[in-house]
PDB file of all heavy atoms in Angstrom:
ATOM      1  N   ASP A   1      46.403  50.569  49.798  1.00  0.00           N
ATOM      2  CA  ASP A   1      46.574  49.650  48.672  1.00  0.00           C
ATOM      3  C   ASP A   1      47.807  50.042  47.864  1.00  0.00           C
ATOM      4  O   ASP A   1      48.179  51.212  47.790  1.00  0.00           O
ATOM      5  CB  ASP A   1      45.331  49.689  47.783  1.00  0.00           C
ATOM      6  CG  ASP A   1      45.285  48.515  46.822  1.00  0.00           C
ATOM      7  OD1 ASP A   1      46.066  47.564  47.017  1.00  0.00           O
ATOM      8  OD2 ASP A   1      44.485  48.555  45.885  1.00  0.00           O
ATOM      9  N   THR A   2      48.457  49.035  47.246  1.00  0.00           N
ATOM     10  CA  THR A   2      49.653  49.300  46.432  1.00  0.00           C
ATOM     11  C   THR A   2      49.508  48.592  45.085  1.00  0.00           C
ATOM     12  O   THR A   2      50.301  47.720  44.740  1.00  0.00           O
ATOM     13  CB  THR A   2      50.926  48.802  47.142  1.00  0.00           C
ATOM     14  OG1 THR A   2      50.748  47.411  47.481  1.00  0.00           O
ATOM     15  CG2 THR A   2      51.196  49.586  48.387  1.00  0.00           C
ATOM     16  N   PRO A   3      48.495  48.961  44.292  1.00  0.00           N
ATOM     17  CA  PRO A   3      48.234  48.216  43.054  1.00  0.00           C
ATOM     18  C   PRO A   3      49.337  48.332  42.018  1.00  0.00           C
ATOM     19  O   PRO A   3      49.471  47.481  41.153  1.00  0.00           O
ATOM     20  CB  PRO A   3      46.934  48.849  42.549  1.00  0.00           C
ATOM     21  CG  PRO A   3      46.933  50.230  43.134  1.00  0.00           C
ATOM     22  CD  PRO A   3      47.574  50.081  44.478  1.00  0.00           C
ATOM     23  N   ASN A   4      50.145  49.396  42.099  1.00  0.00           N
ATOM     24  CA  ASN A   4      51.178  49.609  41.090  1.00  0.00           C
ATOM     25  C   ASN A   4      52.572  49.227  41.585  1.00  0.00           C
ATOM     26  O   ASN A   4      53.563  49.570  40.954  1.00  0.00           O
ATOM     27  CB  ASN A   4      51.174  51.088  40.662  1.00  0.00           C
ATOM     28  CG  ASN A   4      49.842  51.490  40.046  1.00  0.00           C
ATOM     29  OD1 ASN A   4      49.285  50.745  39.237  1.00  0.00           O
ATOM     30  ND2 ASN A   4      49.333  52.659  40.426  1.00  0.00           N
ATOM     31  N   PHE A   5      52.639  48.498  42.703  1.00  0.00           N
ATOM     32  CA  PHE A   5      53.943  48.120  43.236  1.00  0.00           C
ATOM     33  C   PHE A   5      54.656  47.170  42.276  1.00  0.00           C
ATOM     34  O   PHE A   5      54.073  46.208  41.776  1.00  0.00           O
ATOM     35  CB  PHE A   5      53.791  47.445  44.598  1.00  0.00           C
ATOM     36  CG  PHE A   5      55.084  46.903  45.128  1.00  0.00           C
ATOM     37  CD1 PHE A   5      56.020  47.745  45.683  1.00  0.00           C
ATOM     38  CD2 PHE A   5      55.369  45.548  45.032  1.00  0.00           C
ATOM     39  CE1 PHE A   5      57.227  47.257  46.150  1.00  0.00           C
ATOM     40  CE2 PHE A   5      56.572  45.046  45.507  1.00  0.00           C
ATOM     41  CZ  PHE A   5      57.501  45.909  46.068  1.00  0.00           C
ATOM     42  N   VAL A   6      55.909  47.463  42.005  1.00  0.00           N
ATOM     43  CA  VAL A   6      56.736  46.605  41.145  1.00  0.00           C
ATOM     44  C   VAL A   6      57.972  46.203  41.931  1.00  0.00           C
ATOM     45  O   VAL A   6      58.669  47.068  42.487  1.00  0.00           O
ATOM     46  CB  VAL A   6      57.143  47.324  39.846  1.00  0.00           C
ATOM     47  CG1 VAL A   6      58.050  46.433  39.012  1.00  0.00           C
ATOM     48  CG2 VAL A   6      55.905  47.733  39.044  1.00  0.00           C
ATOM     49  N   CYS A   7      58.252  44.906  42.007  1.00  0.00           N
ATOM     50  CA  CYS A   7      59.422  44.436  42.749  1.00  0.00           C
ATOM     51  C   CYS A   7      60.706  44.940  42.105  1.00  0.00           C
ATOM     52  O   CYS A   7      60.798  45.022  40.874  1.00  0.00           O
ATOM     53  CB  CYS A   7      59.462  42.903  42.772  1.00  0.00           C
ATOM     54  SG  CYS A   7      58.092  42.139  43.635  1.00  0.00           S
ATOM     55  N   PRO A   8      61.707  45.265  42.906  1.00  0.00           N
ATOM     56  CA  PRO A   8      63.006  45.618  42.337  1.00  0.00           C
ATOM     57  C   PRO A   8      63.570  44.455  41.521  1.00  0.00           C
ATOM     58  O   PRO A   8      63.347  43.286  41.843  1.00  0.00           O
ATOM     59  CB  PRO A   8      63.869  45.884  43.573  1.00  0.00           C
ATOM     60  CG  PRO A   8      62.909  46.120  44.682  1.00  0.00           C
ATOM     61  CD  PRO A   8      61.699  45.313  44.367  1.00  0.00           C
ATOM     62  N   VAL A   9      64.293  44.791  40.469  1.00  0.00           N
ATOM     63  CA  VAL A   9      64.905  43.762  39.635  1.00  0.00           C
ATOM     64  C   VAL A   9      66.266  43.392  40.221  1.00  0.00           C
ATOM     65  O   VAL A   9      67.095  44.260  40.494  1.00  0.00           O
ATOM     66  CB  VAL A   9      65.066  44.250  38.185  1.00  0.00           C
ATOM     67  CG1 VAL A   9      65.783  43.192  37.345  1.00  0.00           C
ATOM     68  CG2 VAL A   9      63.707  44.583  37.591  1.00  0.00           C
ATOM     69  N   ALA A  10      66.482  42.104  40.428  1.00  0.00           N
ATOM     70  CA  ALA A  10      67.751  41.632  40.985  1.00  0.00           C
ATOM     71  C   ALA A  10      68.130  40.343  40.272  1.00  0.00           C
ATOM     72  O   ALA A  10      67.267  39.645  39.725  1.00  0.00           O
ATOM     73  CB  ALA A  10      67.618  41.391  42.489  1.00  0.00           C
ATOM     74  N   PRO A  11      69.408  39.990  40.239  1.00  0.00           N
ATOM     75  CA  PRO A  11      69.819  38.759  39.563  1.00  0.00           C
ATOM     76  C   PRO A  11      69.238  37.531  40.245  1.00  0.00           C
ATOM     77  O   PRO A  11      69.019  37.523  41.463  1.00  0.00           O
ATOM     78  CB  PRO A  11      71.346  38.792  39.662  1.00  0.00           C
ATOM     79  CG  PRO A  11      71.645  39.707  40.795  1.00  0.00           C
ATOM     80  CD  PRO A  11      70.551  40.726  40.811  1.00  0.00           C
ATOM     81  N   CYS A  12      68.996  36.462  39.466  1.00  0.00           N
ATOM     82  CA  CYS A  12      68.375  35.265  40.015  1.00  0.00           C
ATOM     83  C   CYS A  12      69.296  34.519  40.975  1.00  0.00           C
ATOM     84  O   CYS A  12      68.829  33.668  41.741  1.00  0.00           O
ATOM     85  CB  CYS A  12      67.931  34.329  38.897  1.00  0.00           C
ATOM     86  SG  CYS A  12      69.278  33.721  37.857  1.00  0.00           S
ATOM     87  N   ASP A  13      70.600  34.836  40.956  1.00  0.00           N
ATOM     88  CA  ASP A  13      71.512  34.175  41.890  1.00  0.00           C
ATOM     89  C   ASP A  13      71.797  35.041  43.116  1.00  0.00           C
ATOM     90  O   ASP A  13      72.716  34.768  43.888  1.00  0.00           O
ATOM     91  CB  ASP A  13      72.819  33.790  41.201  1.00  0.00           C
ATOM     92  CG  ASP A  13      73.553  34.979  40.583  1.00  0.00           C
ATOM     93  OD1 ASP A  13      72.990  36.087  40.590  1.00  0.00           O
ATOM     94  OD2 ASP A  13      74.677  34.788  40.086  1.00  0.00           O
ATOM     95  N   ALA A  14      70.991  36.086  43.325  1.00  0.00           N
ATOM     96  CA  ALA A  14      71.157  36.927  44.504  1.00  0.00           C
ATOM     97  C   ALA A  14      70.867  36.122  45.764  1.00  0.00           C
ATOM     98  O   ALA A  14      70.125  35.135  45.743  1.00  0.00           O
ATOM     99  CB  ALA A  14      70.225  38.132  44.424  1.00  0.00           C
ATOM    100  N   THR A  15      71.433  36.545  46.882  1.00  0.00           N
ATOM    101  CA  THR A  15      71.160  35.894  48.159  1.00  0.00           C
ATOM    102  C   THR A  15      69.709  36.150  48.551  1.00  0.00           C
ATOM    103  O   THR A  15      69.245  37.291  48.543  1.00  0.00           O
ATOM    104  CB  THR A  15      72.093  36.421  49.254  1.00  0.00           C
ATOM    105  OG1 THR A  15      73.445  36.137  48.883  1.00  0.00           O
ATOM    106  CG2 THR A  15      71.796  35.759  50.594  1.00  0.00           C
ATOM    107  N   ALA A  16      68.997  35.089  48.915  1.00  0.00           N
ATOM    108  CA  ALA A  16      67.585  35.193  49.284  1.00  0.00           C
ATOM    109  C   ALA A  16      67.388  35.168  50.788  1.00  0.00           C
ATOM    110  O   ALA A  16      66.494  35.838  51.306  1.00  0.00           O
ATOM    111  CB  ALA A  16      66.794  34.053  48.642  1.00  0.00           C
ATOM    112  N   TYR A  17      68.202  34.394  51.497  1.00  0.00           N
ATOM    113  CA  TYR A  17      67.945  34.183  52.923  1.00  0.00           C
ATOM    114  C   TYR A  17      69.221  33.786  53.639  1.00  0.00           C
ATOM    115  O   TYR A  17      70.207  33.363  53.023  1.00  0.00           O
ATOM    116  CB  TYR A  17      66.900  33.079  53.124  1.00  0.00           C
ATOM    117  CG  TYR A  17      67.379  31.710  52.674  1.00  0.00           C
ATOM    118  CD1 TYR A  17      68.049  30.865  53.557  1.00  0.00           C
ATOM    119  CD2 TYR A  17      67.187  31.264  51.372  1.00  0.00           C
ATOM    120  CE1 TYR A  17      68.511  29.624  53.150  1.00  0.00           C
ATOM    121  CE2 TYR A  17      67.643  30.026  50.958  1.00  0.00           C
ATOM    122  CZ  TYR A  17      68.301  29.209  51.847  1.00  0.00           C
ATOM    123  OH  TYR A  17      68.771  27.982  51.440  1.00  0.00           O
ATOM    124  N   VAL A  18      69.196  33.918  54.974  1.00  0.00           N
ATOM    125  CA  VAL A  18      70.241  33.383  55.842  1.00  0.00           C
ATOM    126  C   VAL A  18      69.547  32.607  56.960  1.00  0.00           C
ATOM    127  O   VAL A  18      68.709  33.166  57.680  1.00  0.00           O
ATOM    128  CB  VAL A  18      71.126  34.487  56.442  1.00  0.00           C
ATOM    129  CG1 VAL A  18      72.167  33.878  57.381  1.00  0.00           C
ATOM    130  CG2 VAL A  18      71.822  35.291  55.344  1.00  0.00           C
ATOM    131  N   VAL A  19      69.844  31.317  57.081  1.00  0.00           N
ATOM    132  CA  VAL A  19      69.340  30.515  58.200  1.00  0.00           C
ATOM    133  C   VAL A  19      70.532  29.993  58.988  1.00  0.00           C
ATOM    134  O   VAL A  19      71.655  29.940  58.479  1.00  0.00           O
ATOM    135  CB  VAL A  19      68.457  29.333  57.721  1.00  0.00           C
ATOM    136  CG1 VAL A  19      67.201  29.845  57.044  1.00  0.00           C
ATOM    137  CG2 VAL A  19      69.227  28.406  56.791  1.00  0.00           C
ATOM    138  N   TYR A  20      70.265  29.583  60.227  1.00  0.00           N
ATOM    139  CA  TYR A  20      71.360  29.259  61.144  1.00  0.00           C
ATOM    140  C   TYR A  20      71.313  27.810  61.611  1.00  0.00           C
ATOM    141  O   TYR A  20      70.231  27.239  61.806  1.00  0.00           O
ATOM    142  CB  TYR A  20      71.323  30.195  62.361  1.00  0.00           C
ATOM    143  CG  TYR A  20      72.023  31.497  62.074  1.00  0.00           C
ATOM    144  CD1 TYR A  20      71.410  32.460  61.290  1.00  0.00           C
ATOM    145  CD2 TYR A  20      73.316  31.738  62.527  1.00  0.00           C
ATOM    146  CE1 TYR A  20      72.052  33.644  60.979  1.00  0.00           C
ATOM    147  CE2 TYR A  20      73.971  32.916  62.230  1.00  0.00           C
ATOM    148  CZ  TYR A  20      73.343  33.866  61.452  1.00  0.00           C
ATOM    149  OH  TYR A  20      74.000  35.024  61.137  1.00  0.00           O
ATOM    150  N   THR A  21      72.512  27.244  61.776  1.00  0.00           N
ATOM    151  CA  THR A  21      72.629  25.928  62.395  1.00  0.00           C
ATOM    152  C   THR A  21      72.319  26.055  63.887  1.00  0.00           C
ATOM    153  O   THR A  21      72.253  27.154  64.439  1.00  0.00           O
ATOM    154  CB  THR A  21      74.037  25.357  62.212  1.00  0.00           C
ATOM    155  OG1 THR A  21      74.982  26.237  62.859  1.00  0.00           O
ATOM    156  CG2 THR A  21      74.403  25.248  60.739  1.00  0.00           C
ATOM    157  N   SER A  22      72.146  24.922  64.553  1.00  0.00           N
ATOM    158  CA  SER A  22      71.760  24.938  65.962  1.00  0.00           C
ATOM    159  C   SER A  22      72.853  25.471  66.875  1.00  0.00           C
ATOM    160  O   SER A  22      72.583  25.993  67.957  1.00  0.00           O
ATOM    161  CB  SER A  22      71.377  23.526  66.411  1.00  0.00           C
ATOM    162  OG  SER A  22      72.515  22.673  66.362  1.00  0.00           O
ATOM    163  N   GLY A  23      74.103  25.320  66.447  1.00  0.00           N
ATOM    164  CA  GLY A  23      75.211  25.727  67.303  1.00  0.00           C
ATOM    165  C   GLY A  23      75.606  24.671  68.311  1.00  0.00           C
ATOM    166  O   GLY A  23      76.376  24.939  69.237  1.00  0.00           O
ATOM    167  N   SER A  24      75.106  23.444  68.122  1.00  0.00           N
ATOM    168  CA  SER A  24      75.396  22.374  69.084  1.00  0.00           C
ATOM    169  C   SER A  24      76.873  21.977  69.092  1.00  0.00           C
ATOM    170  O   SER A  24      77.368  21.427  70.069  1.00  0.00           O
ATOM    171  CB  SER A  24      74.536  21.146  68.771  1.00  0.00           C
ATOM    172  OG  SER A  24      74.759  20.696  67.443  1.00  0.00           O
ATOM    173  N   THR A  25      77.582  22.252  68.000  1.00  0.00           N
ATOM    174  CA  THR A  25      79.009  21.917  67.934  1.00  0.00           C
ATOM    175  C   THR A  25      79.883  23.166  67.986  1.00  0.00           C
ATOM    176  O   THR A  25      81.048  23.136  67.617  1.00  0.00           O
ATOM    177  CB  THR A  25      79.317  21.130  66.648  1.00  0.00           C
ATOM    178  OG1 THR A  25      78.931  21.926  65.510  1.00  0.00           O
ATOM    179  CG2 THR A  25      78.562  19.814  66.624  1.00  0.00           C
ATOM    180  N   GLY A  26      79.341  24.267  68.448  1.00  0.00           N
ATOM    181  CA  GLY A  26      80.076  25.530  68.498  1.00  0.00           C
ATOM    182  C   GLY A  26      79.096  26.670  68.325  1.00  0.00           C
ATOM    183  O   GLY A  26      77.911  26.536  68.585  1.00  0.00           O
ATOM    184  N   ARG A  27      79.579  27.804  67.850  1.00  0.00           N
ATOM    185  CA  ARG A  27      78.670  28.924  67.648  1.00  0.00           C
ATOM    186  C   ARG A  27      77.802  28.649  66.425  1.00  0.00           C
ATOM    187  O   ARG A  27      78.229  27.985  65.477  1.00  0.00           O
ATOM    188  CB  ARG A  27      79.449  30.225  67.471  1.00  0.00           C
ATOM    189  CG  ARG A  27      80.220  30.341  66.172  1.00  0.00           C
ATOM    190  CD  ARG A  27      80.731  31.767  65.987  1.00  0.00           C
ATOM    191  NE  ARG A  27      81.410  31.929  64.712  1.00  0.00           N
ATOM    192  CZ  ARG A  27      81.686  33.105  64.163  1.00  0.00           C
ATOM    193  NH1 ARG A  27      81.339  34.214  64.773  1.00  0.00           N
ATOM    194  NH2 ARG A  27      82.307  33.179  63.004  1.00  0.00           N
ATOM    195  N   PRO A  28      76.548  29.139  66.425  1.00  0.00           N
ATOM    196  CA  PRO A  28      75.671  28.933  65.260  1.00  0.00           C
ATOM    197  C   PRO A  28      76.300  29.528  64.005  1.00  0.00           C
ATOM    198  O   PRO A  28      76.912  30.599  64.045  1.00  0.00           O
ATOM    199  CB  PRO A  28      74.390  29.673  65.648  1.00  0.00           C
ATOM    200  CG  PRO A  28      74.427  29.775  67.131  1.00  0.00           C
ATOM    201  CD  PRO A  28      75.870  29.883  67.503  1.00  0.00           C
ATOM    202  N   LYS A  29      76.151  28.823  62.896  1.00  0.00           N
ATOM    203  CA  LYS A  29      76.706  29.288  61.617  1.00  0.00           C
ATOM    204  C   LYS A  29      75.566  29.716  60.706  1.00  0.00           C
ATOM    205  O   LYS A  29      74.600  28.973  60.502  1.00  0.00           O
ATOM    206  CB  LYS A  29      77.533  28.186  60.946  1.00  0.00           C
ATOM    207  CG  LYS A  29      78.775  27.796  61.717  1.00  0.00           C
ATOM    208  CD  LYS A  29      79.653  26.849  60.923  1.00  0.00           C
ATOM    209  CE  LYS A  29      79.054  25.459  60.798  1.00  0.00           C
ATOM    210  NZ  LYS A  29      79.008  24.760  62.084  1.00  0.00           N
ATOM    211  N   GLY A  30      75.689  30.913  60.153  1.00  0.00           N
ATOM    212  CA  GLY A  30      74.710  31.396  59.194  1.00  0.00           C
ATOM    213  C   GLY A  30      74.996  30.837  57.814  1.00  0.00           C
ATOM    214  O   GLY A  30      76.132  30.907  57.324  1.00  0.00           O
ATOM    215  N   ILE A  31      73.983  30.270  57.179  1.00  0.00           N
ATOM    216  CA  ILE A  31      74.128  29.699  55.840  1.00  0.00           C
ATOM    217  C   ILE A  31      73.306  30.550  54.881  1.00  0.00           C
ATOM    218  O   ILE A  31      72.089  30.696  55.037  1.00  0.00           O
ATOM    219  CB  ILE A  31      73.658  28.238  55.808  1.00  0.00           C
ATOM    220  CG1 ILE A  31      74.533  27.392  56.742  1.00  0.00           C
ATOM    221  CG2 ILE A  31      73.708  27.684  54.379  1.00  0.00           C
ATOM    222  CD1 ILE A  31      74.032  25.985  56.941  1.00  0.00           C
ATOM    223  N   ALA A  32      73.976  31.138  53.896  1.00  0.00           N
ATOM    224  CA  ALA A  32      73.328  32.037  52.948  1.00  0.00           C
ATOM    225  C   ALA A  32      72.918  31.254  51.702  1.00  0.00           C
ATOM    226  O   ALA A  32      73.754  30.633  51.050  1.00  0.00           O
ATOM    227  CB  ALA A  32      74.283  33.171  52.570  1.00  0.00           C
ATOM    228  N   GLY A  33      71.626  31.296  51.392  1.00  0.00           N
ATOM    229  CA  GLY A  33      71.107  30.586  50.226  1.00  0.00           C
ATOM    230  C   GLY A  33      70.590  31.553  49.180  1.00  0.00           C
ATOM    231  O   GLY A  33      70.154  32.670  49.503  1.00  0.00           O
ATOM    232  N   GLY A  34      70.636  31.128  47.914  1.00  0.00           N
ATOM    233  CA  GLY A  34      70.246  32.001  46.813  1.00  0.00           C
ATOM    234  C   GLY A  34      68.884  31.680  46.235  1.00  0.00           C
ATOM    235  O   GLY A  34      68.340  30.595  46.423  1.00  0.00           O
ATOM    236  N   HIS A  35      68.326  32.642  45.520  1.00  0.00           N
ATOM    237  CA  HIS A  35      67.039  32.445  44.851  1.00  0.00           C
ATOM    238  C   HIS A  35      67.095  31.259  43.893  1.00  0.00           C
ATOM    239  O   HIS A  35      66.164  30.444  43.835  1.00  0.00           O
ATOM    240  CB  HIS A  35      66.657  33.713  44.068  1.00  0.00           C
ATOM    241  CG  HIS A  35      66.140  34.818  44.922  1.00  0.00           C
ATOM    242  ND1 HIS A  35      64.807  35.002  45.187  1.00  0.00           N
ATOM    243  CD2 HIS A  35      66.783  35.822  45.568  1.00  0.00           C
ATOM    244  CE1 HIS A  35      64.635  36.057  45.953  1.00  0.00           C
ATOM    245  NE2 HIS A  35      65.829  36.581  46.203  1.00  0.00           N
ATOM    246  N   ARG A  36      68.169  31.155  43.123  1.00  0.00           N
ATOM    247  CA  ARG A  36      68.235  30.127  42.082  1.00  0.00           C
ATOM    248  C   ARG A  36      68.105  28.726  42.667  1.00  0.00           C
ATOM    249  O   ARG A  36      67.360  27.891  42.140  1.00  0.00           O
ATOM    250  CB  ARG A  36      69.545  30.243  41.295  1.00  0.00           C
ATOM    251  CG  ARG A  36      69.746  29.137  40.259  1.00  0.00           C
ATOM    252  CD  ARG A  36      71.018  29.354  39.464  1.00  0.00           C
ATOM    253  NE  ARG A  36      70.883  30.502  38.580  1.00  0.00           N
ATOM    254  CZ  ARG A  36      71.925  31.085  37.972  1.00  0.00           C
ATOM    255  NH1 ARG A  36      73.149  30.641  38.203  1.00  0.00           N
ATOM    256  NH2 ARG A  36      71.728  32.106  37.167  1.00  0.00           N
ATOM    257  N   GLY A  37      68.804  28.451  43.762  1.00  0.00           N
ATOM    258  CA  GLY A  37      68.744  27.118  44.349  1.00  0.00           C
ATOM    259  C   GLY A  37      67.367  26.779  44.873  1.00  0.00           C
ATOM    260  O   GLY A  37      66.891  25.651  44.727  1.00  0.00           O
ATOM    261  N   VAL A  38      66.688  27.759  45.490  1.00  0.00           N
ATOM    262  CA  VAL A  38      65.341  27.503  45.998  1.00  0.00           C
ATOM    263  C   VAL A  38      64.367  27.266  44.850  1.00  0.00           C
ATOM    264  O   VAL A  38      63.547  26.339  44.889  1.00  0.00           O
ATOM    265  CB  VAL A  38      64.853  28.676  46.875  1.00  0.00           C
ATOM    266  CG1 VAL A  38      63.404  28.469  47.303  1.00  0.00           C
ATOM    267  CG2 VAL A  38      65.746  28.823  48.103  1.00  0.00           C
ATOM    268  N   VAL A  39      64.439  28.085  43.804  1.00  0.00           N
ATOM    269  CA  VAL A  39      63.536  27.923  42.670  1.00  0.00           C
ATOM    270  C   VAL A  39      63.748  26.566  42.006  1.00  0.00           C
ATOM    271  O   VAL A  39      62.787  25.865  41.656  1.00  0.00           O
ATOM    272  CB  VAL A  39      63.737  29.070  41.657  1.00  0.00           C
ATOM    273  CG1 VAL A  39      62.994  28.785  40.357  1.00  0.00           C
ATOM    274  CG2 VAL A  39      63.253  30.387  42.258  1.00  0.00           C
ATOM    275  N   GLN A  40      65.007  26.162  41.864  1.00  0.00           N
ATOM    276  CA  GLN A  40      65.285  24.841  41.278  1.00  0.00           C
ATOM    277  C   GLN A  40      64.692  23.739  42.134  1.00  0.00           C
ATOM    278  O   GLN A  40      64.113  22.780  41.626  1.00  0.00           O
ATOM    279  CB  GLN A  40      66.803  24.664  41.147  1.00  0.00           C
ATOM    280  CG  GLN A  40      67.235  23.382  40.462  1.00  0.00           C
ATOM    281  CD  GLN A  40      67.639  22.296  41.452  1.00  0.00           C
ATOM    282  OE1 GLN A  40      67.827  22.548  42.639  1.00  0.00           O
ATOM    283  NE2 GLN A  40      67.743  21.069  40.963  1.00  0.00           N
ATOM    284  N   TYR A  41      64.784  23.887  43.455  1.00  0.00           N
ATOM    285  CA  TYR A  41      64.227  22.872  44.345  1.00  0.00           C
ATOM    286  C   TYR A  41      62.703  22.864  44.282  1.00  0.00           C
ATOM    287  O   TYR A  41      62.078  21.802  44.258  1.00  0.00           O
ATOM    288  CB  TYR A  41      64.682  23.111  45.784  1.00  0.00           C
ATOM    289  CG  TYR A  41      64.166  22.057  46.719  1.00  0.00           C
ATOM    290  CD1 TYR A  41      64.844  20.854  46.868  1.00  0.00           C
ATOM    291  CD2 TYR A  41      62.970  22.231  47.403  1.00  0.00           C
ATOM    292  CE1 TYR A  41      64.346  19.854  47.688  1.00  0.00           C
ATOM    293  CE2 TYR A  41      62.470  21.233  48.224  1.00  0.00           C
ATOM    294  CZ  TYR A  41      63.164  20.056  48.363  1.00  0.00           C
ATOM    295  OH  TYR A  41      62.661  19.057  49.162  1.00  0.00           O
ATOM    296  N   LEU A  42      62.076  24.029  44.254  1.00  0.00           N
ATOM    297  CA  LEU A  42      60.619  24.085  44.173  1.00  0.00           C
ATOM    298  C   LEU A  42      60.108  23.453  42.888  1.00  0.00           C
ATOM    299  O   LEU A  42      59.064  22.797  42.876  1.00  0.00           O
ATOM    300  CB  LEU A  42      60.137  25.534  44.288  1.00  0.00           C
ATOM    301  CG  LEU A  42      60.421  26.244  45.613  1.00  0.00           C
ATOM    302  CD1 LEU A  42      59.930  27.686  45.557  1.00  0.00           C
ATOM    303  CD2 LEU A  42      59.807  25.504  46.784  1.00  0.00           C
TER     304      LEU A  42
END
């Protein structure tokens, strides 16, 4: 159990994820998205 776990503090515009295009028009491209954009969308 980790009852006292505290998440590290990071800026809200930090990079949250990298997802990739299919690569159908060339090599797959990684697209880096931030926490702020996802939270605004949610």
